[in-house]
Amino acid sequence: MIHRSIALLSALGSSVVALASDASAQTSCGPREQLVKVLADQYKEDPVGIGLAQPGQVLEVFASQGGSWSMVMTMPDGKACLIAAGDNWEMVTKIKGSPI
């Protein structure tokens, strides 16, 4: 996550606000359009899921064919933040009647 945050900070340039509560936790934020473009261009990640979080906040999951994934939270003002990222993403399809 730290490496991806650093890469996003570099790619988004001066429009990004970096917040860090400690050395291992860093969030990359900026205009949603720019963040989505970086995820698509650099990581080949496309949206695979979306949902509402707090009122006015949208949570999106982006994933690539190669297995990388990112979670992005977008605020009502259009500012989006990378809140989690990783590897080995797999889509799970629930079969009707199965316990999973």
C-alpha atoms as a PDB file:
ATOM      1  CA  MET A   1       0.000   0.000   0.000  1.00  0.00           C
ATOM      2  CA  ILE A   2       2.787   2.447   0.824  1.00  0.00           C
ATOM      3  CA  HIS A   3       4.433   1.920  -2.570  1.00  0.00           C
ATOM      4  CA  ARG A   4       1.118   2.443  -4.357  1.00  0.00           C
ATOM      5  CA  SER A   5       0.418   5.561  -2.267  1.00  0.00           C
ATOM      6  CA  ILE A   6       3.814   7.001  -3.156  1.00  0.00           C
ATOM      7  CA  ALA A   7       3.241   6.250  -6.846  1.00  0.00           C
ATOM      8  CA  LEU A   8      -0.197   7.869  -6.727  1.00  0.00           C
ATOM      9  CA  LEU A   9       1.193  10.917  -4.942  1.00  0.00           C
ATOM     10  CA  SER A  10       3.751  11.300  -7.699  1.00  0.00           C
ATOM     11  CA  ALA A  11       1.232  10.740 -10.480  1.00  0.00           C
ATOM     12  CA  LEU A  12      -1.389  13.107  -9.084  1.00  0.00           C
ATOM     13  CA  GLY A  13       1.117  15.874  -8.418  1.00  0.00           C
ATOM     14  CA  SER A  14       0.221  19.010  -6.524  1.00  0.00           C
ATOM     15  CA  SER A  15      -3.517  18.313  -6.407  1.00  0.00           C
ATOM     16  CA  VAL A  16      -2.993  15.520  -3.877  1.00  0.00           C
ATOM     17  CA  VAL A  17      -3.229  15.812  -0.140  1.00  0.00           C
ATOM     18  CA  ALA A  18      -1.223  13.172   1.747  1.00  0.00           C
ATOM     19  CA  LEU A  19      -2.325  12.330   5.239  1.00  0.00           C
ATOM     20  CA  ALA A  20      -0.259  10.085   7.500  1.00  0.00           C
ATOM     21  CA  SER A  21      -1.055   9.002  11.036  1.00  0.00           C
ATOM     22  CA  ASP A  22       2.193   7.030  11.239  1.00  0.00           C
ATOM     23  CA  ALA A  23       4.981   5.887   8.936  1.00  0.00           C
ATOM     24  CA  SER A  24       3.082   2.808   7.740  1.00  0.00           C
ATOM     25  CA  ALA A  25      -0.295   4.449   7.077  1.00  0.00           C
ATOM     26  CA  GLN A  26      -0.493   6.880   4.191  1.00  0.00           C
ATOM     27  CA  THR A  27      -3.545   7.932   2.206  1.00  0.00           C
ATOM     28  CA  SER A  28      -3.465   9.347  -1.312  1.00  0.00           C
ATOM     29  CA  CYS A  29      -6.233  11.779  -2.124  1.00  0.00           C
ATOM     30  CA  GLY A  30      -7.122  13.999  -5.041  1.00  0.00           C
ATOM     31  CA  PRO A  31      -9.820  14.644  -7.627  1.00  0.00           C
ATOM     32  CA  ARG A  32     -11.641  11.379  -8.418  1.00  0.00           C
ATOM     33  CA  GLU A  33     -11.120  11.711 -12.162  1.00  0.00           C
ATOM     34  CA  GLN A  34      -7.347  11.880 -11.734  1.00  0.00           C
ATOM     35  CA  LEU A  35      -7.205   9.000  -9.241  1.00  0.00           C
ATOM     36  CA  VAL A  36      -9.300   6.755 -11.524  1.00  0.00           C
ATOM     37  CA  LYS A  37      -7.070   7.668 -14.492  1.00  0.00           C
ATOM     38  CA  VAL A  38      -3.916   6.704 -12.566  1.00  0.00           C
ATOM     39  CA  LEU A  39      -5.457   3.386 -11.504  1.00  0.00           C
ATOM     40  CA  ALA A  40      -6.405   2.623 -15.113  1.00  0.00           C
ATOM     41  CA  ASP A  41      -3.182   3.818 -16.754  1.00  0.00           C
ATOM     42  CA  GLN A  42      -0.577   2.587 -14.265  1.00  0.00           C
ATOM     43  CA  TYR A  43      -2.274  -0.448 -12.709  1.00  0.00           C
ATOM     44  CA  LYS A  44      -4.771  -1.429 -15.451  1.00  0.00           C
ATOM     45  CA  GLU A  45      -7.501  -1.423 -12.803  1.00  0.00           C
ATOM     46  CA  ASP A  46     -11.160  -0.934 -13.692  1.00  0.00           C
ATOM     47  CA  PRO A  47     -14.228  -0.655 -11.434  1.00  0.00           C
ATOM     48  CA  VAL A  48     -15.598  -4.022 -10.265  1.00  0.00           C
ATOM     49  CA  GLY A  49     -17.837  -2.904  -7.406  1.00  0.00           C
ATOM     50  CA  ILE A  50     -19.508   0.166  -5.933  1.00  0.00           C
ATOM     51  CA  GLY A  51     -21.566   0.980  -2.861  1.00  0.00           C
ATOM     52  CA  LEU A  52     -22.720   3.785  -0.603  1.00  0.00           C
ATOM     53  CA  ALA A  53     -20.859   4.246   2.666  1.00  0.00           C
ATOM     54  CA  GLN A  54     -21.718   7.241   4.858  1.00  0.00           C
ATOM     55  CA  PRO A  55     -24.256   9.697   3.489  1.00  0.00           C
ATOM     56  CA  GLY A  56     -22.810  11.130   0.319  1.00  0.00           C
ATOM     57  CA  GLN A  57     -19.705   8.893   0.283  1.00  0.00           C
ATOM     58  CA  VAL A  58     -19.156   6.306  -2.434  1.00  0.00           C
ATOM     59  CA  LEU A  59     -16.874   3.287  -1.987  1.00  0.00           C
ATOM     60  CA  GLU A  60     -15.468   1.726  -5.163  1.00  0.00           C
ATOM     61  CA  VAL A  61     -13.327  -1.333  -5.737  1.00  0.00           C
ATOM     62  CA  PHE A  62     -11.029  -1.374  -8.778  1.00  0.00           C
ATOM     63  CA  ALA A  63      -9.224  -4.520  -9.927  1.00  0.00           C
ATOM     64  CA  SER A  64      -6.987  -5.654 -12.768  1.00  0.00           C
ATOM     65  CA  GLN A  65      -6.806  -8.901 -14.721  1.00  0.00           C
ATOM     66  CA  GLY A  66      -3.390  -9.378 -13.075  1.00  0.00           C
ATOM     67  CA  GLY A  67      -4.932  -9.409  -9.591  1.00  0.00           C
ATOM     68  CA  SER A  68      -4.043  -5.955  -8.222  1.00  0.00           C
ATOM     69  CA  TRP A  69      -6.895  -4.110  -6.511  1.00  0.00           C
ATOM     70  CA  SER A  70      -7.658  -0.741  -4.930  1.00  0.00           C
ATOM     71  CA  MET A  71     -10.455   0.622  -2.748  1.00  0.00           C
ATOM     72  CA  VAL A  72     -11.349   4.274  -3.270  1.00  0.00           C
ATOM     73  CA  MET A  73     -13.645   6.420  -1.127  1.00  0.00           C
ATOM     74  CA  THR A  74     -15.134   9.467  -2.875  1.00  0.00           C
ATOM     75  CA  MET A  75     -16.532  12.351  -0.842  1.00  0.00           C
ATOM     76  CA  PRO A  76     -19.485  14.538  -1.885  1.00  0.00           C
ATOM     77  CA  ASP A  77     -17.075  17.300  -3.000  1.00  0.00           C
ATOM     78  CA  GLY A  78     -15.431  14.965  -5.559  1.00  0.00           C
ATOM     79  CA  LYS A  79     -12.263  14.368  -3.535  1.00  0.00           C
ATOM     80  CA  ALA A  80     -11.328  10.684  -3.642  1.00  0.00           C
ATOM     81  CA  CYS A  81      -8.903   8.798  -1.395  1.00  0.00           C
ATOM     82  CA  LEU A  82      -7.164   5.474  -1.853  1.00  0.00           C
ATOM     83  CA  ILE A  83      -8.047   3.637   1.360  1.00  0.00           C
ATOM     84  CA  ALA A  84      -6.679   0.157   0.636  1.00  0.00           C
ATOM     85  CA  ALA A  85      -4.809  -1.716  -2.086  1.00  0.00           C
ATOM     86  CA  GLY A  86      -3.345  -5.153  -2.618  1.00  0.00           C
ATOM     87  CA  ASP A  87      -2.825  -8.142  -4.863  1.00  0.00           C
ATOM     88  CA  ASN A  88      -4.448 -11.495  -5.672  1.00  0.00           C
ATOM     89  CA  TRP A  89      -7.966 -10.142  -6.228  1.00  0.00           C
ATOM     90  CA  GLU A  90     -10.515 -12.802  -7.172  1.00  0.00           C
ATOM     91  CA  MET A  91     -14.127 -12.251  -8.132  1.00  0.00           C
ATOM     92  CA  VAL A  92     -16.463 -14.516  -6.190  1.00  0.00           C
ATOM     93  CA  THR A  93     -19.776 -15.454  -7.697  1.00  0.00           C
ATOM     94  CA  LYS A  94     -22.433 -16.518  -5.223  1.00  0.00           C
ATOM     95  CA  ILE A  95     -24.468 -19.471  -6.410  1.00  0.00           C
ATOM     96  CA  LYS A  96     -28.112 -19.280  -5.354  1.00  0.00           C
ATOM     97  CA  GLY A  97     -28.646 -21.425  -2.291  1.00  0.00           C
ATOM     98  CA  SER A  98     -24.950 -21.774  -1.432  1.00  0.00           C
ATOM     99  CA  PRO A  99     -23.778 -20.784   2.061  1.00  0.00           C
ATOM    100  CA  ILE A 100     -21.088 -18.428   0.684  1.00  0.00           C
END
